[in-house]
Amino acid sequence: MREHDRARLLGTVLALVWALATPLAAQTPPRLSREQARQQLESSDAEARRRGVAALAEVGIMADAPALLRALRDPDPAVRTLAEEAVWQVWSRSGDAETDRLFAAGVEQMSRGAGAEAIETFTRVIRGKPDFAEGWNKRATVYFLMGEYQKSLADCDEVMKRNPAHFGALAGYGQIYLQLGEPEKALEYFERALAVNPNLSQVEMVIEQLRAALIRKRKDTI
């Protein structure tokens, strides 16, 4: 099997990063306010930072996302893992109860493979709250899973307008461009995703595969 083919096959696992990324529940109830949690993130004690990140997973809002993204580079691996979960939690809060209810329903439909229903639900989410980036991201995910790559790209563009640090959508672009047979573009977006979140080990593996495949391709053309 050619290097490029292996890269494309390995790239399909990235749907777990983008397509099926569902916020995880925190292990323990929050005992800190948002303000206290943000303060804990600045602590020199790793356990305090863990508590802060776990609390923000429950009570954080979009304004807390930059701090959580910085925590993706924390020296403590547990903090980094909790921060990634917390980022998804925060991104998935619209600030409106009805929108959140619809969003949860769409995620459930997507998880059981009801693509058409999920598209309809996420479209309702987008119409009701167009500034909610995660509504666009989840619809992009469903379009990708249904093979509607151009529609998925268009929705990824909408995500980027609202949340340019969305490493899931950036990896999603890479997935789409792999399917479209454009490895150079795929590599660019995978690298951008990894630059935001250096903990994406599957993305890193695909990047290595793509780089090797592209080097081999260039040598073959000389």
N, C-alpha and C. Protein backbone atom coordinates (compact mmCIF):
# COMPACT_ATOMS: atom_id res chain seq x y z
N MET A 1 0.85 -1.20 0.00
CA MET A 1 0.00 0.00 0.00
C MET A 1 0.88 1.24 0.00
N ARG A 2 0.57 2.20 -0.84
CA ARG A 2 1.36 3.43 -0.92
C ARG A 2 1.27 4.24 0.36
N GLU A 3 2.29 5.07 0.60
CA GLU A 3 2.30 5.91 1.80
C GLU A 3 1.07 6.79 1.86
N HIS A 4 0.69 7.35 0.70
CA HIS A 4 -0.47 8.25 0.68
C HIS A 4 -1.73 7.51 1.05
N ASP A 5 -1.87 6.25 0.56
CA ASP A 5 -3.06 5.47 0.88
C ASP A 5 -3.11 5.17 2.37
N ARG A 6 -1.95 4.84 2.94
CA ARG A 6 -1.93 4.57 4.38
C ARG A 6 -2.31 5.82 5.16
N ALA A 7 -1.83 6.96 4.69
CA ALA A 7 -2.16 8.21 5.38
C ALA A 7 -3.65 8.47 5.34
N ARG A 8 -4.27 8.20 4.20
CA ARG A 8 -5.72 8.42 4.07
C ARG A 8 -6.48 7.49 4.99
N LEU A 9 -6.04 6.22 5.08
CA LEU A 9 -6.73 5.28 5.95
C LEU A 9 -6.57 5.68 7.41
N LEU A 10 -5.34 6.05 7.77
CA LEU A 10 -5.11 6.47 9.14
C LEU A 10 -5.88 7.73 9.45
N GLY A 11 -6.06 8.58 8.44
CA GLY A 11 -6.77 9.83 8.66
C GLY A 11 -8.20 9.63 9.06
N THR A 12 -8.80 8.49 8.71
CA THR A 12 -10.22 8.30 9.04
C THR A 12 -10.45 8.25 10.54
N VAL A 13 -9.44 7.88 11.30
CA VAL A 13 -9.64 7.84 12.76
C VAL A 13 -9.80 9.23 13.33
N LEU A 14 -9.47 10.25 12.56
CA LEU A 14 -9.58 11.61 13.07
C LEU A 14 -11.03 12.04 13.23
N ALA A 15 -11.94 11.27 12.71
CA ALA A 15 -13.36 11.57 12.98
C ALA A 15 -13.63 11.53 14.46
N LEU A 16 -12.82 10.78 15.20
CA LEU A 16 -12.99 10.76 16.66
C LEU A 16 -12.62 12.10 17.27
N VAL A 17 -11.73 12.82 16.60
CA VAL A 17 -11.33 14.14 17.08
C VAL A 17 -12.38 15.18 16.75
N TRP A 18 -12.91 15.06 15.53
CA TRP A 18 -13.80 16.10 15.02
C TRP A 18 -15.23 15.62 14.94
N ALA A 19 -15.44 14.52 14.24
CA ALA A 19 -16.80 14.10 13.95
C ALA A 19 -17.55 13.63 15.17
N LEU A 20 -16.90 12.93 16.07
CA LEU A 20 -17.60 12.36 17.20
C LEU A 20 -17.18 12.97 18.52
N ALA A 21 -16.56 14.12 18.47
CA ALA A 21 -16.13 14.75 19.71
C ALA A 21 -17.34 15.22 20.48
N THR A 22 -17.63 14.56 21.59
CA THR A 22 -18.76 14.90 22.44
C THR A 22 -18.23 15.24 23.82
N PRO A 23 -18.67 16.35 24.40
CA PRO A 23 -18.17 16.73 25.70
C PRO A 23 -18.34 15.63 26.73
N LEU A 24 -17.32 15.45 27.57
CA LEU A 24 -17.38 14.46 28.62
C LEU A 24 -17.79 15.11 29.93
N ALA A 25 -18.50 14.36 30.73
CA ALA A 25 -18.92 14.88 32.03
C ALA A 25 -17.73 14.92 32.98
N ALA A 26 -17.72 15.90 33.84
CA ALA A 26 -16.64 16.01 34.82
C ALA A 26 -16.77 14.88 35.83
N GLN A 27 -15.65 14.48 36.41
CA GLN A 27 -15.63 13.38 37.34
C GLN A 27 -16.27 13.74 38.69
N THR A 28 -16.12 14.97 39.11
CA THR A 28 -16.65 15.38 40.42
C THR A 28 -17.40 16.68 40.27
N PRO A 29 -18.38 16.93 41.16
CA PRO A 29 -19.13 18.19 41.11
C PRO A 29 -18.21 19.38 41.35
N PRO A 30 -18.48 20.48 40.68
CA PRO A 30 -17.63 21.66 40.89
C PRO A 30 -17.83 22.25 42.27
N ARG A 31 -16.76 22.70 42.86
CA ARG A 31 -16.82 23.33 44.17
C ARG A 31 -16.25 24.74 44.13
N LEU A 32 -15.95 25.18 42.93
CA LEU A 32 -15.35 26.49 42.77
C LEU A 32 -16.23 27.35 41.88
N SER A 33 -16.19 28.65 42.12
CA SER A 33 -16.84 29.57 41.20
C SER A 33 -15.95 29.74 39.98
N ARG A 34 -16.49 30.39 38.94
CA ARG A 34 -15.67 30.65 37.76
C ARG A 34 -14.42 31.43 38.13
N GLU A 35 -14.60 32.44 38.95
CA GLU A 35 -13.46 33.29 39.32
C GLU A 35 -12.42 32.49 40.08
N GLN A 36 -12.87 31.65 41.01
CA GLN A 36 -11.93 30.83 41.76
C GLN A 36 -11.22 29.83 40.86
N ALA A 37 -11.99 29.26 39.93
CA ALA A 37 -11.39 28.30 39.00
C ALA A 37 -10.31 28.95 38.16
N ARG A 38 -10.58 30.15 37.66
CA ARG A 38 -9.58 30.85 36.85
C ARG A 38 -8.33 31.13 37.67
N GLN A 39 -8.52 31.46 38.93
CA GLN A 39 -7.37 31.70 39.80
C GLN A 39 -6.56 30.43 39.99
N GLN A 40 -7.26 29.30 40.13
CA GLN A 40 -6.56 28.03 40.32
C GLN A 40 -5.71 27.66 39.10
N LEU A 41 -6.17 28.07 37.92
CA LEU A 41 -5.40 27.78 36.71
C LEU A 41 -4.01 28.42 36.74
N GLU A 42 -3.88 29.48 37.51
CA GLU A 42 -2.59 30.19 37.59
C GLU A 42 -1.72 29.67 38.72
N SER A 43 -2.18 28.66 39.46
CA SER A 43 -1.44 28.14 40.60
C SER A 43 -0.18 27.39 40.15
N SER A 44 0.82 27.38 41.00
CA SER A 44 2.03 26.59 40.72
C SER A 44 1.83 25.13 41.09
N ASP A 45 0.72 24.83 41.75
CA ASP A 45 0.41 23.47 42.19
C ASP A 45 -0.44 22.76 41.14
N ALA A 46 0.03 21.63 40.65
CA ALA A 46 -0.69 20.92 39.58
C ALA A 46 -2.07 20.48 40.02
N GLU A 47 -2.21 20.04 41.26
CA GLU A 47 -3.52 19.58 41.74
C GLU A 47 -4.51 20.73 41.75
N ALA A 48 -4.06 21.92 42.11
CA ALA A 48 -4.94 23.09 42.09
C ALA A 48 -5.37 23.40 40.67
N ARG A 49 -4.45 23.29 39.71
CA ARG A 49 -4.80 23.55 38.32
C ARG A 49 -5.80 22.52 37.81
N ARG A 50 -5.64 21.28 38.24
CA ARG A 50 -6.61 20.25 37.86
C ARG A 50 -8.01 20.61 38.37
N ARG A 51 -8.07 21.05 39.64
CA ARG A 51 -9.37 21.42 40.20
C ARG A 51 -9.97 22.59 39.43
N GLY A 52 -9.12 23.55 39.07
CA GLY A 52 -9.61 24.70 38.34
C GLY A 52 -10.16 24.33 36.97
N VAL A 53 -9.44 23.48 36.25
CA VAL A 53 -9.90 23.05 34.94
C VAL A 53 -11.19 22.25 35.05
N ALA A 54 -11.26 21.34 36.04
CA ALA A 54 -12.46 20.52 36.22
C ALA A 54 -13.67 21.40 36.53
N ALA A 55 -13.46 22.44 37.32
CA ALA A 55 -14.56 23.34 37.64
C ALA A 55 -15.03 24.10 36.41
N LEU A 56 -14.08 24.57 35.60
CA LEU A 56 -14.47 25.30 34.39
C LEU A 56 -15.20 24.41 33.39
N ALA A 57 -14.92 23.11 33.43
CA ALA A 57 -15.67 22.20 32.56
C ALA A 57 -17.15 22.25 32.88
N GLU A 58 -17.49 22.55 34.13
CA GLU A 58 -18.88 22.59 34.56
C GLU A 58 -19.50 23.97 34.50
N VAL A 59 -18.71 25.00 34.80
CA VAL A 59 -19.30 26.33 34.92
C VAL A 59 -18.70 27.35 33.96
N GLY A 60 -17.73 26.93 33.16
CA GLY A 60 -17.06 27.87 32.28
C GLY A 60 -17.93 28.32 31.12
N ILE A 61 -17.58 29.48 30.57
CA ILE A 61 -18.25 30.04 29.41
C ILE A 61 -17.21 30.32 28.33
N MET A 62 -17.66 30.79 27.16
CA MET A 62 -16.73 31.00 26.06
C MET A 62 -15.58 31.94 26.43
N ALA A 63 -15.83 32.86 27.31
CA ALA A 63 -14.77 33.78 27.72
C ALA A 63 -13.62 33.05 28.42
N ASP A 64 -13.89 31.84 28.90
CA ASP A 64 -12.85 31.05 29.58
C ASP A 64 -12.07 30.18 28.61
N ALA A 65 -12.52 30.09 27.37
CA ALA A 65 -11.88 29.19 26.41
C ALA A 65 -10.40 29.51 26.19
N PRO A 66 -9.99 30.79 26.05
CA PRO A 66 -8.56 31.05 25.85
C PRO A 66 -7.68 30.52 26.98
N ALA A 67 -8.16 30.64 28.23
CA ALA A 67 -7.38 30.11 29.36
C ALA A 67 -7.29 28.60 29.29
N LEU A 68 -8.37 27.95 28.89
CA LEU A 68 -8.36 26.50 28.78
C LEU A 68 -7.47 26.04 27.62
N LEU A 69 -7.46 26.80 26.54
CA LEU A 69 -6.58 26.46 25.42
C LEU A 69 -5.12 26.58 25.83
N ARG A 70 -4.81 27.56 26.66
CA ARG A 70 -3.43 27.67 27.16
C ARG A 70 -3.09 26.47 28.03
N ALA A 71 -4.09 25.97 28.76
CA ALA A 71 -3.86 24.81 29.64
C ALA A 71 -3.57 23.54 28.86
N LEU A 72 -3.84 23.54 27.55
CA LEU A 72 -3.49 22.39 26.72
C LEU A 72 -1.98 22.20 26.63
N ARG A 73 -1.23 23.20 27.08
CA ARG A 73 0.24 23.13 27.08
C ARG A 73 0.79 23.04 28.50
N ASP A 74 -0.07 22.74 29.46
CA ASP A 74 0.37 22.64 30.85
C ASP A 74 1.40 21.52 31.00
N PRO A 75 2.39 21.70 31.87
CA PRO A 75 3.38 20.64 32.06
C PRO A 75 2.80 19.36 32.67
N ASP A 76 1.64 19.47 33.30
CA ASP A 76 1.02 18.30 33.93
C ASP A 76 0.09 17.60 32.93
N PRO A 77 0.31 16.32 32.62
CA PRO A 77 -0.53 15.64 31.63
C PRO A 77 -2.00 15.55 32.02
N ALA A 78 -2.28 15.43 33.32
CA ALA A 78 -3.68 15.37 33.75
C ALA A 78 -4.39 16.68 33.49
N VAL A 79 -3.70 17.77 33.71
CA VAL A 79 -4.28 19.08 33.41
C VAL A 79 -4.58 19.19 31.92
N ARG A 80 -3.65 18.73 31.09
CA ARG A 80 -3.87 18.82 29.65
C ARG A 80 -5.09 18.00 29.22
N THR A 81 -5.23 16.80 29.77
CA THR A 81 -6.38 15.96 29.43
C THR A 81 -7.68 16.59 29.88
N LEU A 82 -7.70 17.09 31.11
CA LEU A 82 -8.90 17.75 31.63
C LEU A 82 -9.22 19.01 30.85
N ALA A 83 -8.18 19.72 30.43
CA ALA A 83 -8.40 20.96 29.68
C ALA A 83 -9.06 20.69 28.35
N GLU A 84 -8.65 19.62 27.67
CA GLU A 84 -9.27 19.30 26.38
C GLU A 84 -10.75 18.98 26.56
N GLU A 85 -11.08 18.20 27.60
CA GLU A 85 -12.47 17.90 27.87
C GLU A 85 -13.24 19.18 28.19
N ALA A 86 -12.61 20.04 28.98
CA ALA A 86 -13.27 21.29 29.38
C ALA A 86 -13.52 22.21 28.19
N VAL A 87 -12.58 22.24 27.27
CA VAL A 87 -12.76 23.06 26.06
C VAL A 87 -14.01 22.63 25.31
N TRP A 88 -14.16 21.31 25.13
CA TRP A 88 -15.35 20.82 24.42
C TRP A 88 -16.63 21.16 25.19
N GLN A 89 -16.57 21.07 26.51
CA GLN A 89 -17.74 21.42 27.32
C GLN A 89 -18.12 22.88 27.11
N VAL A 90 -17.13 23.75 27.20
CA VAL A 90 -17.38 25.18 27.07
C VAL A 90 -17.88 25.52 25.66
N TRP A 91 -17.23 24.95 24.65
CA TRP A 91 -17.65 25.21 23.28
C TRP A 91 -19.09 24.77 23.03
N SER A 92 -19.55 23.79 23.78
CA SER A 92 -20.88 23.22 23.54
C SER A 92 -21.98 23.89 24.35
N ARG A 93 -21.67 25.00 24.97
CA ARG A 93 -22.69 25.77 25.70
C ARG A 93 -23.03 27.01 24.89
N SER A 94 -24.30 27.11 24.52
CA SER A 94 -24.73 28.26 23.73
C SER A 94 -25.13 29.45 24.58
N GLY A 95 -25.42 29.19 25.85
CA GLY A 95 -25.93 30.26 26.71
C GLY A 95 -27.45 30.38 26.67
N ASP A 96 -28.10 29.48 25.93
CA ASP A 96 -29.55 29.49 25.82
C ASP A 96 -30.07 28.08 26.05
N ALA A 97 -30.99 27.92 26.97
CA ALA A 97 -31.45 26.59 27.39
C ALA A 97 -32.09 25.81 26.25
N GLU A 98 -32.93 26.45 25.44
CA GLU A 98 -33.60 25.75 24.36
C GLU A 98 -32.59 25.34 23.28
N THR A 99 -31.65 26.21 22.99
CA THR A 99 -30.61 25.86 22.02
C THR A 99 -29.79 24.68 22.51
N ASP A 100 -29.45 24.69 23.79
CA ASP A 100 -28.68 23.58 24.35
C ASP A 100 -29.47 22.28 24.31
N ARG A 101 -30.77 22.35 24.52
CA ARG A 101 -31.61 21.15 24.45
C ARG A 101 -31.60 20.59 23.03
N LEU A 102 -31.78 21.46 22.04
CA LEU A 102 -31.75 21.02 20.65
C LEU A 102 -30.37 20.45 20.28
N PHE A 103 -29.34 21.13 20.74
CA PHE A 103 -27.98 20.68 20.44
C PHE A 103 -27.75 19.27 20.99
N ALA A 104 -28.16 19.03 22.23
CA ALA A 104 -27.99 17.71 22.83
C ALA A 104 -28.76 16.65 22.04
N ALA A 105 -29.94 17.02 21.56
CA ALA A 105 -30.73 16.08 20.76
C ALA A 105 -30.01 15.76 19.46
N GLY A 106 -29.40 16.77 18.83
CA GLY A 106 -28.66 16.55 17.60
C GLY A 106 -27.45 15.65 17.81
N VAL A 107 -26.75 15.85 18.92
CA VAL A 107 -25.60 15.01 19.23
C VAL A 107 -26.04 13.56 19.40
N GLU A 108 -27.18 13.37 20.07
CA GLU A 108 -27.69 12.01 20.26
C GLU A 108 -28.05 11.37 18.92
N GLN A 109 -28.70 12.14 18.06
CA GLN A 109 -29.05 11.62 16.73
C GLN A 109 -27.81 11.27 15.93
N MET A 110 -26.81 12.13 15.99
CA MET A 110 -25.57 11.88 15.28
C MET A 110 -24.90 10.62 15.80
N SER A 111 -24.90 10.42 17.11
CA SER A 111 -24.21 9.27 17.70
C SER A 111 -24.85 7.95 17.31
N ARG A 112 -26.14 7.96 16.99
CA ARG A 112 -26.80 6.70 16.57
C ARG A 112 -26.97 6.61 15.05
N GLY A 113 -26.31 7.51 14.34
CA GLY A 113 -26.28 7.40 12.89
C GLY A 113 -27.48 7.94 12.16
N ALA A 114 -28.31 8.73 12.86
CA ALA A 114 -29.50 9.32 12.22
C ALA A 114 -29.10 10.64 11.57
N GLY A 115 -28.39 10.54 10.45
CA GLY A 115 -27.80 11.73 9.83
C GLY A 115 -28.80 12.77 9.40
N ALA A 116 -29.86 12.37 8.70
CA ALA A 116 -30.83 13.34 8.20
C ALA A 116 -31.51 14.07 9.36
N GLU A 117 -31.84 13.34 10.41
CA GLU A 117 -32.46 13.96 11.58
C GLU A 117 -31.50 14.95 12.24
N ALA A 118 -30.24 14.52 12.35
CA ALA A 118 -29.24 15.39 12.98
C ALA A 118 -29.04 16.67 12.18
N ILE A 119 -29.00 16.56 10.85
CA ILE A 119 -28.88 17.74 10.00
C ILE A 119 -30.02 18.70 10.27
N GLU A 120 -31.22 18.18 10.32
CA GLU A 120 -32.40 19.02 10.57
C GLU A 120 -32.30 19.71 11.93
N THR A 121 -31.88 18.95 12.94
CA THR A 121 -31.79 19.51 14.29
C THR A 121 -30.71 20.58 14.38
N PHE A 122 -29.54 20.30 13.83
CA PHE A 122 -28.46 21.29 13.90
C PHE A 122 -28.79 22.52 13.04
N THR A 123 -29.55 22.34 11.99
CA THR A 123 -29.99 23.49 11.20
C THR A 123 -30.91 24.37 12.04
N ARG A 124 -31.77 23.78 12.84
CA ARG A 124 -32.62 24.55 13.75
C ARG A 124 -31.77 25.28 14.79
N VAL A 125 -30.72 24.62 15.27
CA VAL A 125 -29.80 25.26 16.22
C VAL A 125 -29.17 26.49 15.57
N ILE A 126 -28.69 26.32 14.34
CA ILE A 126 -28.01 27.41 13.63
C ILE A 126 -28.96 28.57 13.36
N ARG A 127 -30.18 28.26 12.94
CA ARG A 127 -31.14 29.32 12.67
C ARG A 127 -31.50 30.10 13.93
N GLY A 128 -31.62 29.39 15.03
CA GLY A 128 -31.99 30.04 16.28
C GLY A 128 -30.86 30.82 16.92
N LYS A 129 -29.61 30.33 16.73
CA LYS A 129 -28.46 31.00 17.34
C LYS A 129 -27.26 30.89 16.39
N PRO A 130 -27.25 31.70 15.35
CA PRO A 130 -26.21 31.58 14.32
C PRO A 130 -24.80 31.85 14.81
N ASP A 131 -24.65 32.55 15.93
CA ASP A 131 -23.30 32.82 16.43
C ASP A 131 -22.73 31.67 17.25
N PHE A 132 -23.50 30.63 17.45
CA PHE A 132 -23.05 29.46 18.22
C PHE A 132 -22.23 28.56 17.31
N ALA A 133 -20.92 28.67 17.42
CA ALA A 133 -20.02 27.98 16.48
C ALA A 133 -20.18 26.48 16.50
N GLU A 134 -20.48 25.91 17.66
CA GLU A 134 -20.51 24.45 17.74
C GLU A 134 -21.71 23.86 17.00
N GLY A 135 -22.77 24.65 16.83
CA GLY A 135 -23.87 24.18 16.00
C GLY A 135 -23.41 23.94 14.57
N TRP A 136 -22.63 24.89 14.04
CA TRP A 136 -22.07 24.74 12.70
C TRP A 136 -21.10 23.56 12.64
N ASN A 137 -20.28 23.41 13.69
CA ASN A 137 -19.29 22.34 13.68
C ASN A 137 -19.94 20.96 13.65
N LYS A 138 -20.99 20.79 14.45
CA LYS A 138 -21.63 19.49 14.47
C LYS A 138 -22.35 19.20 13.15
N ARG A 139 -22.93 20.23 12.54
CA ARG A 139 -23.56 19.99 11.24
C ARG A 139 -22.49 19.66 10.20
N ALA A 140 -21.35 20.33 10.28
CA ALA A 140 -20.24 20.00 9.37
C ALA A 140 -19.83 18.55 9.54
N THR A 141 -19.82 18.09 10.78
CA THR A 141 -19.47 16.71 11.08
C THR A 141 -20.43 15.74 10.39
N VAL A 142 -21.73 16.00 10.54
CA VAL A 142 -22.72 15.10 9.95
C VAL A 142 -22.62 15.11 8.43
N TYR A 143 -22.46 16.29 7.85
CA TYR A 143 -22.29 16.36 6.40
C TYR A 143 -21.08 15.53 5.95
N PHE A 144 -19.99 15.61 6.70
CA PHE A 144 -18.80 14.82 6.37
C PHE A 144 -19.12 13.33 6.40
N LEU A 145 -19.78 12.89 7.46
CA LEU A 145 -20.10 11.47 7.60
C LEU A 145 -21.04 10.99 6.50
N MET A 146 -21.82 11.91 5.95
CA MET A 146 -22.75 11.57 4.86
C MET A 146 -22.11 11.73 3.48
N GLY A 147 -20.83 12.13 3.45
CA GLY A 147 -20.13 12.29 2.18
C GLY A 147 -20.42 13.60 1.47
N GLU A 148 -21.04 14.55 2.17
CA GLU A 148 -21.37 15.87 1.58
C GLU A 148 -20.20 16.82 1.88
N TYR A 149 -19.10 16.62 1.19
CA TYR A 149 -17.86 17.29 1.56
C TYR A 149 -17.89 18.80 1.34
N GLN A 150 -18.50 19.26 0.26
CA GLN A 150 -18.55 20.71 0.03
C GLN A 150 -19.40 21.41 1.07
N LYS A 151 -20.51 20.80 1.45
CA LYS A 151 -21.34 21.38 2.50
C LYS A 151 -20.60 21.37 3.83
N SER A 152 -19.86 20.32 4.09
CA SER A 152 -19.07 20.25 5.31
C SER A 152 -18.01 21.35 5.33
N LEU A 153 -17.33 21.57 4.19
CA LEU A 153 -16.35 22.65 4.11
C LEU A 153 -16.98 24.00 4.39
N ALA A 154 -18.16 24.23 3.82
CA ALA A 154 -18.84 25.51 4.02
C ALA A 154 -19.17 25.73 5.49
N ASP A 155 -19.60 24.68 6.18
CA ASP A 155 -19.90 24.82 7.60
C ASP A 155 -18.63 25.01 8.42
N CYS A 156 -17.55 24.35 8.03
CA CYS A 156 -16.27 24.58 8.72
C CYS A 156 -15.85 26.04 8.59
N ASP A 157 -16.09 26.63 7.42
CA ASP A 157 -15.78 28.05 7.25
C ASP A 157 -16.54 28.90 8.25
N GLU A 158 -17.81 28.54 8.49
CA GLU A 158 -18.62 29.29 9.46
C GLU A 158 -18.09 29.11 10.88
N VAL A 159 -17.60 27.92 11.18
CA VAL A 159 -17.00 27.69 12.50
C VAL A 159 -15.80 28.61 12.69
N MET A 160 -14.94 28.68 11.69
CA MET A 160 -13.72 29.48 11.79
C MET A 160 -14.01 30.97 11.97
N LYS A 161 -15.11 31.43 11.37
CA LYS A 161 -15.48 32.84 11.53
C LYS A 161 -15.80 33.15 12.98
N ARG A 162 -16.31 32.17 13.69
CA ARG A 162 -16.78 32.38 15.05
C ARG A 162 -15.81 31.87 16.11
N ASN A 163 -15.00 30.88 15.74
CA ASN A 163 -14.08 30.27 16.70
C ASN A 163 -12.83 29.80 15.96
N PRO A 164 -11.93 30.73 15.62
CA PRO A 164 -10.76 30.37 14.82
C PRO A 164 -9.79 29.41 15.50
N ALA A 165 -9.94 29.19 16.80
CA ALA A 165 -9.07 28.25 17.51
C ALA A 165 -9.68 26.86 17.59
N HIS A 166 -10.71 26.60 16.83
CA HIS A 166 -11.41 25.31 16.93
C HIS A 166 -10.57 24.21 16.28
N PHE A 167 -9.79 23.53 17.09
CA PHE A 167 -8.89 22.50 16.56
C PHE A 167 -9.66 21.32 15.97
N GLY A 168 -10.87 21.08 16.45
CA GLY A 168 -11.67 20.01 15.88
C GLY A 168 -12.06 20.30 14.44
N ALA A 169 -12.50 21.52 14.18
CA ALA A 169 -12.87 21.91 12.82
C ALA A 169 -11.65 21.96 11.91
N LEU A 170 -10.51 22.40 12.46
CA LEU A 170 -9.28 22.42 11.66
C LEU A 170 -8.90 21.00 11.24
N ALA A 171 -9.01 20.05 12.17
CA ALA A 171 -8.76 18.66 11.81
C ALA A 171 -9.81 18.17 10.82
N GLY A 172 -11.03 18.71 10.96
CA GLY A 172 -12.09 18.36 10.02
C GLY A 172 -11.76 18.76 8.60
N TYR A 173 -11.23 19.97 8.43
CA TYR A 173 -10.77 20.38 7.09
C TYR A 173 -9.79 19.34 6.53
N GLY A 174 -8.84 18.95 7.39
CA GLY A 174 -7.86 17.97 6.94
C GLY A 174 -8.50 16.68 6.48
N GLN A 175 -9.49 16.22 7.26
CA GLN A 175 -10.22 15.01 6.88
C GLN A 175 -10.88 15.15 5.51
N ILE A 176 -11.54 16.28 5.32
CA ILE A 176 -12.24 16.51 4.06
C ILE A 176 -11.26 16.53 2.89
N TYR A 177 -10.16 17.26 3.05
CA TYR A 177 -9.22 17.36 1.94
C TYR A 177 -8.53 16.02 1.65
N LEU A 178 -8.39 15.18 2.67
CA LEU A 178 -7.90 13.83 2.39
C LEU A 178 -8.88 13.09 1.49
N GLN A 179 -10.15 13.19 1.81
CA GLN A 179 -11.17 12.51 1.00
C GLN A 179 -11.25 13.08 -0.41
N LEU A 180 -10.94 14.35 -0.55
CA LEU A 180 -10.98 15.00 -1.87
C LEU A 180 -9.69 14.80 -2.65
N GLY A 181 -8.74 14.08 -2.06
CA GLY A 181 -7.48 13.81 -2.76
C GLY A 181 -6.56 15.00 -2.84
N GLU A 182 -6.58 15.88 -1.83
CA GLU A 182 -5.72 17.05 -1.79
C GLU A 182 -4.84 16.98 -0.53
N PRO A 183 -3.82 16.12 -0.54
CA PRO A 183 -3.02 15.92 0.67
C PRO A 183 -2.26 17.15 1.15
N GLU A 184 -1.85 18.02 0.21
CA GLU A 184 -1.13 19.22 0.64
C GLU A 184 -2.01 20.11 1.51
N LYS A 185 -3.26 20.31 1.07
CA LYS A 185 -4.18 21.12 1.87
C LYS A 185 -4.50 20.41 3.18
N ALA A 186 -4.68 19.10 3.11
CA ALA A 186 -4.96 18.33 4.33
C ALA A 186 -3.85 18.53 5.35
N LEU A 187 -2.61 18.42 4.90
CA LEU A 187 -1.46 18.58 5.79
C LEU A 187 -1.47 19.96 6.43
N GLU A 188 -1.75 20.99 5.65
CA GLU A 188 -1.79 22.36 6.19
C GLU A 188 -2.76 22.47 7.35
N TYR A 189 -3.95 21.92 7.18
CA TYR A 189 -4.95 22.05 8.24
C TYR A 189 -4.66 21.16 9.43
N PHE A 190 -4.11 19.97 9.19
CA PHE A 190 -3.74 19.13 10.32
C PHE A 190 -2.65 19.82 11.16
N GLU A 191 -1.72 20.47 10.49
CA GLU A 191 -0.66 21.17 11.21
C GLU A 191 -1.24 22.33 12.01
N ARG A 192 -2.22 23.02 11.46
CA ARG A 192 -2.86 24.10 12.19
C ARG A 192 -3.61 23.58 13.41
N ALA A 193 -4.26 22.43 13.27
CA ALA A 193 -4.97 21.84 14.40
C ALA A 193 -3.99 21.48 15.51
N LEU A 194 -2.85 20.88 15.13
CA LEU A 194 -1.86 20.48 16.13
C LEU A 194 -1.21 21.69 16.78
N ALA A 195 -1.09 22.79 16.05
CA ALA A 195 -0.52 24.00 16.63
C ALA A 195 -1.40 24.56 17.74
N VAL A 196 -2.71 24.39 17.61
CA VAL A 196 -3.63 24.84 18.66
C VAL A 196 -3.65 23.86 19.82
N ASN A 197 -3.73 22.58 19.50
CA ASN A 197 -3.79 21.54 20.53
C ASN A 197 -2.69 20.51 20.28
N PRO A 198 -1.56 20.64 20.96
CA PRO A 198 -0.43 19.74 20.71
C PRO A 198 -0.64 18.33 21.25
N ASN A 199 -1.80 18.05 21.84
CA ASN A 199 -2.07 16.74 22.42
C ASN A 199 -2.81 15.81 21.46
N LEU A 200 -3.03 16.23 20.22
CA LEU A 200 -3.76 15.43 19.25
C LEU A 200 -2.82 14.39 18.64
N SER A 201 -2.63 13.29 19.34
CA SER A 201 -1.64 12.30 18.91
C SER A 201 -2.01 11.67 17.57
N GLN A 202 -3.31 11.46 17.33
CA GLN A 202 -3.71 10.87 16.05
C GLN A 202 -3.43 11.83 14.89
N VAL A 203 -3.67 13.10 15.12
CA VAL A 203 -3.36 14.10 14.10
C VAL A 203 -1.86 14.11 13.83
N GLU A 204 -1.08 14.03 14.88
CA GLU A 204 0.38 14.03 14.71
C GLU A 204 0.83 12.83 13.88
N MET A 205 0.22 11.68 14.10
CA MET A 205 0.57 10.49 13.32
C MET A 205 0.25 10.68 11.85
N VAL A 206 -0.92 11.27 11.57
CA VAL A 206 -1.31 11.49 10.18
C VAL A 206 -0.39 12.50 9.52
N ILE A 207 0.01 13.53 10.26
CA ILE A 207 0.94 14.52 9.72
C ILE A 207 2.24 13.84 9.28
N GLU A 208 2.75 12.96 10.13
CA GLU A 208 3.99 12.26 9.78
C GLU A 208 3.80 11.42 8.52
N GLN A 209 2.66 10.74 8.43
CA GLN A 209 2.38 9.92 7.25
C GLN A 209 2.29 10.79 5.99
N LEU A 210 1.58 11.91 6.11
CA LEU A 210 1.42 12.77 4.94
C LEU A 210 2.74 13.39 4.51
N ARG A 211 3.54 13.82 5.45
CA ARG A 211 4.84 14.40 5.10
C ARG A 211 5.69 13.38 4.36
N ALA A 212 5.70 12.15 4.86
CA ALA A 212 6.49 11.10 4.20
C ALA A 212 5.96 10.83 2.80
N ALA A 213 4.63 10.80 2.67
CA ALA A 213 4.03 10.52 1.36
C ALA A 213 4.33 11.63 0.36
N LEU A 214 4.28 12.88 0.83
CA LEU A 214 4.54 14.01 -0.07
C LEU A 214 6.00 14.07 -0.47
N ILE A 215 6.90 13.73 0.45
CA ILE A 215 8.32 13.70 0.09
C ILE A 215 8.57 12.61 -0.96
N ARG A 216 7.94 11.46 -0.76
CA ARG A 216 8.10 10.37 -1.72
C ARG A 216 7.54 10.78 -3.10
N LYS A 217 6.41 11.47 -3.07
CA LYS A 217 5.79 11.91 -4.32
C LYS A 217 6.69 12.89 -5.07
N ARG A 218 7.32 13.82 -4.33
CA ARG A 218 8.20 14.78 -4.98
C ARG A 218 9.42 14.08 -5.58
N LYS A 219 9.95 13.08 -4.87
CA LYS A 219 11.12 12.35 -5.37
C LYS A 219 10.75 11.61 -6.65
N ASP A 220 9.53 11.09 -6.69
CA ASP A 220 9.09 10.33 -7.86
C ASP A 220 8.93 11.20 -9.09
N THR A 221 8.74 12.51 -8.87
CA THR A 221 8.53 13.41 -10.00
C THR A 221 9.84 14.01 -10.51
N ILE A 222 10.93 13.78 -9.78
CA ILE A 222 12.23 14.33 -10.20
C ILE A 222 12.83 13.46 -11.32
